[in-house]
Amino acid sequence: MRSRKISWGLALSALGIAAVAAGPTEAQEAAPPACATPVAPTGELAPWTTPFQLQAAGSEASISSASPPIGRAARLTLLPTPEVRYPLRPEKPGGSVSHGGLVRIDIREAGAYRVALDSAAWIDVVRDEQAARSTAHGHGPNCTGIRKMVDYSLTPGPYILQISANGQPEMTVLLARLP
């Protein structure tokens, strides 16, 4: 009986050693490193660090004043969700205490574009009452303040960036053309 206990003890110890030797778990690897200081993004995301203030629109009728240029970051002031009239119902509209808004995007050249956000808000890029399909999703570079990035392949013309389900009344957003 005593030898069985020792055998089980040795087996469990060996499993523990094997687990430690295998390295960190997926959850540990997925966690971004703690940031001692912010890092400025580079390339097409470089304008992230110098946003200008912009009020998001609450309807298509008032969207003309909410039109940031491509390649510039904007610090958007959002509206309470019940005050926003989305042209297309968002897949995740958020609740009565969330925030959202509309921004007009004018695409002049066909290509790949990236929307970068500092939050986990839901976004839709809408044209003719249809949502454009995203081509990629990801997190921003570590320590830059960019939490979420979504890529789209867009053709020339006007689009509406619908923002919904944001927990805060402000957020930073950047639409960048990818090389």
Protein backbone atom coordinates (compact mmCIF):
# COMPACT_ATOMS: atom_id res chain seq x y z
CA MET A 1 0.00 0.00 0.00
CA ARG A 2 2.79 2.39 0.92
CA SER A 3 4.59 1.79 -2.40
CA ARG A 4 1.40 2.71 -4.33
CA LYS A 5 1.19 6.04 -2.51
CA ILE A 6 4.81 6.76 -3.34
CA SER A 7 4.24 5.76 -7.00
CA TRP A 8 1.22 8.06 -7.30
CA GLY A 9 3.16 10.83 -5.60
CA LEU A 10 6.05 10.42 -8.05
CA ALA A 11 3.65 10.36 -11.02
CA LEU A 12 1.89 13.53 -9.90
CA SER A 13 5.21 15.26 -9.27
CA ALA A 14 6.37 14.30 -12.75
CA LEU A 15 3.18 15.73 -14.26
CA GLY A 16 3.71 18.98 -12.37
CA ILE A 17 7.30 19.22 -13.61
CA ALA A 18 6.14 18.51 -17.19
CA ALA A 19 3.50 21.26 -16.93
CA VAL A 20 6.08 23.77 -15.69
CA ALA A 21 8.51 22.75 -18.44
CA ALA A 22 5.78 23.22 -21.06
CA GLY A 23 5.70 26.94 -20.28
CA PRO A 24 2.88 29.42 -19.64
CA THR A 25 -0.76 28.58 -20.32
CA GLU A 26 -2.69 30.11 -23.24
CA ALA A 27 -4.38 32.56 -20.87
CA GLN A 28 -1.00 33.74 -19.58
CA GLU A 29 0.32 34.18 -23.13
CA ALA A 30 -2.80 36.07 -24.26
CA ALA A 31 -2.47 38.70 -21.53
CA PRO A 32 -0.62 41.76 -22.82
CA PRO A 33 2.38 42.90 -20.82
CA ALA A 34 1.90 45.64 -18.26
CA CYS A 35 2.91 48.99 -19.71
CA ALA A 36 5.29 51.17 -17.73
CA THR A 37 5.01 53.96 -20.32
CA PRO A 38 2.87 54.47 -23.42
CA VAL A 39 4.38 53.62 -26.80
CA ALA A 40 3.66 55.71 -29.89
CA PRO A 41 2.38 53.60 -32.78
CA THR A 42 4.19 53.80 -36.09
CA GLY A 43 3.30 53.66 -39.78
CA GLU A 44 -0.32 54.30 -40.71
CA LEU A 45 -1.23 54.32 -36.98
CA ALA A 46 1.21 57.13 -36.06
CA PRO A 47 -1.53 59.86 -36.05
CA TRP A 48 -3.12 58.04 -33.08
CA THR A 49 -1.17 60.18 -30.60
CA THR A 50 -2.56 63.53 -31.83
CA PRO A 51 -6.36 63.25 -31.99
CA PHE A 52 -8.59 66.25 -32.61
CA GLN A 53 -11.95 66.71 -30.87
CA LEU A 54 -15.08 65.73 -32.86
CA GLN A 55 -18.76 65.35 -31.96
CA ALA A 56 -20.33 62.17 -33.36
CA ALA A 57 -23.68 62.60 -35.11
CA GLY A 58 -26.90 61.11 -33.84
CA SER A 59 -28.53 60.65 -37.25
CA GLU A 60 -27.77 60.70 -40.98
CA ALA A 61 -29.34 64.17 -41.22
CA SER A 62 -26.63 65.65 -38.96
CA ILE A 63 -23.67 63.57 -40.12
CA SER A 64 -22.05 66.11 -42.47
CA SER A 65 -20.27 67.86 -39.58
CA ALA A 66 -18.94 64.55 -38.22
CA SER A 67 -16.48 63.69 -40.97
CA PRO A 68 -12.86 63.14 -39.95
CA PRO A 69 -10.25 62.92 -42.70
CA ILE A 70 -8.65 59.57 -43.47
CA GLY A 71 -5.37 59.23 -41.58
CA ARG A 72 -6.29 61.49 -38.63
CA ALA A 73 -7.29 60.34 -35.19
CA ALA A 74 -10.38 61.86 -33.61
CA ARG A 75 -11.43 62.01 -29.98
CA LEU A 76 -15.16 61.44 -30.44
CA THR A 77 -17.81 62.68 -28.08
CA LEU A 78 -20.59 60.10 -28.28
CA LEU A 79 -24.29 60.24 -27.49
CA PRO A 80 -26.37 58.08 -25.17
CA THR A 81 -27.52 55.09 -27.24
CA PRO A 82 -31.26 55.97 -27.07
CA GLU A 83 -30.46 59.28 -28.86
CA VAL A 84 -28.76 57.64 -31.88
CA ARG A 85 -30.77 56.77 -35.02
CA TYR A 86 -28.65 54.15 -36.77
CA PRO A 87 -29.24 53.73 -40.53
CA LEU A 88 -28.72 49.99 -40.02
CA ARG A 89 -29.49 48.29 -36.71
CA PRO A 90 -26.12 47.35 -35.16
CA GLU A 91 -25.57 43.69 -34.39
CA LYS A 92 -24.65 44.81 -30.86
CA PRO A 93 -26.59 48.04 -30.23
CA GLY A 94 -25.74 48.33 -26.54
CA GLY A 95 -28.13 49.19 -23.76
CA SER A 96 -29.68 52.38 -22.49
CA VAL A 97 -26.54 53.29 -20.51
CA SER A 98 -24.10 52.76 -23.40
CA HIS A 99 -22.94 55.36 -25.92
CA GLY A 100 -22.69 55.52 -29.69
CA GLY A 101 -22.75 57.73 -32.73
CA LEU A 102 -22.26 58.11 -36.45
CA VAL A 103 -19.28 59.37 -38.42
CA ARG A 104 -19.17 60.00 -42.17
CA ILE A 105 -16.25 58.48 -44.07
CA ASP A 106 -15.41 59.63 -47.60
CA ILE A 107 -13.33 57.05 -49.46
CA ARG A 108 -11.63 58.48 -52.53
CA GLU A 109 -9.41 55.54 -53.44
CA ALA A 110 -10.26 51.84 -53.39
CA GLY A 111 -8.17 49.77 -51.01
CA ALA A 112 -7.74 48.28 -47.58
CA TYR A 113 -8.64 50.48 -44.62
CA ARG A 114 -8.26 49.96 -40.87
CA VAL A 115 -10.47 51.34 -38.11
CA ALA A 116 -8.58 51.56 -34.81
CA LEU A 117 -10.40 52.14 -31.49
CA ASP A 118 -9.37 52.62 -27.89
CA SER A 119 -12.34 50.58 -26.67
CA ALA A 120 -14.23 47.38 -27.38
CA ALA A 121 -17.17 49.24 -28.96
CA TRP A 122 -19.08 47.57 -31.78
CA ILE A 123 -18.53 49.15 -35.20
CA ASP A 124 -20.20 48.77 -38.56
CA VAL A 125 -19.09 50.43 -41.79
CA VAL A 126 -22.35 51.04 -43.65
CA ARG A 127 -23.14 52.00 -47.25
CA ASP A 128 -26.58 51.86 -48.91
CA GLU A 129 -28.04 50.34 -45.73
CA GLN A 130 -25.65 47.38 -45.87
CA ALA A 131 -22.70 46.65 -43.59
CA ALA A 132 -19.34 46.15 -45.27
CA ARG A 133 -17.72 42.83 -44.43
CA SER A 134 -14.58 43.07 -42.35
CA THR A 135 -11.48 41.36 -43.69
CA ALA A 136 -9.51 41.13 -40.42
CA HIS A 137 -9.79 41.81 -36.68
CA GLY A 138 -7.07 42.29 -34.14
CA HIS A 139 -5.69 44.10 -31.14
CA GLY A 140 -3.54 47.17 -31.45
CA PRO A 141 0.20 47.17 -30.78
CA ASN A 142 0.96 46.73 -27.07
CA CYS A 143 1.07 49.85 -24.89
CA THR A 144 -0.26 52.20 -27.65
CA GLY A 145 -3.77 52.62 -26.26
CA ILE A 146 -5.25 50.98 -29.38
CA ARG A 147 -7.48 48.22 -28.11
CA LYS A 148 -9.22 47.03 -31.27
CA MET A 149 -8.54 47.15 -35.02
CA VAL A 150 -10.89 46.07 -37.81
CA ASP A 151 -9.91 46.04 -41.51
CA TYR A 152 -12.19 46.55 -44.52
CA SER A 153 -11.78 46.53 -48.29
CA LEU A 154 -13.60 49.69 -49.44
CA THR A 155 -14.43 51.22 -52.82
CA PRO A 156 -14.76 54.97 -53.48
CA GLY A 157 -17.81 56.69 -52.07
CA PRO A 158 -19.41 57.77 -48.80
CA TYR A 159 -19.77 55.41 -45.84
CA ILE A 160 -21.10 55.73 -42.33
CA LEU A 161 -19.07 54.43 -39.41
CA GLN A 162 -21.63 53.32 -36.82
CA ILE A 163 -20.30 53.09 -33.28
CA SER A 164 -22.41 51.32 -30.68
CA ALA A 165 -22.19 49.65 -27.28
CA ASN A 166 -19.40 51.89 -25.99
CA GLY A 167 -19.21 52.06 -22.21
CA GLN A 168 -17.88 55.64 -22.08
CA PRO A 169 -19.13 58.94 -23.58
CA GLU A 170 -15.81 59.49 -25.40
CA MET A 171 -13.47 57.36 -27.44
CA THR A 172 -10.56 57.72 -29.84
CA VAL A 173 -10.94 56.42 -33.39
CA LEU A 174 -8.62 56.42 -36.40
CA LEU A 175 -9.40 55.38 -39.97
CA ALA A 176 -6.18 54.65 -41.83
CA ARG A 177 -5.49 53.48 -45.38
CA LEU A 178 -3.27 50.43 -45.37
CA PRO A 179 -0.27 50.22 -47.69
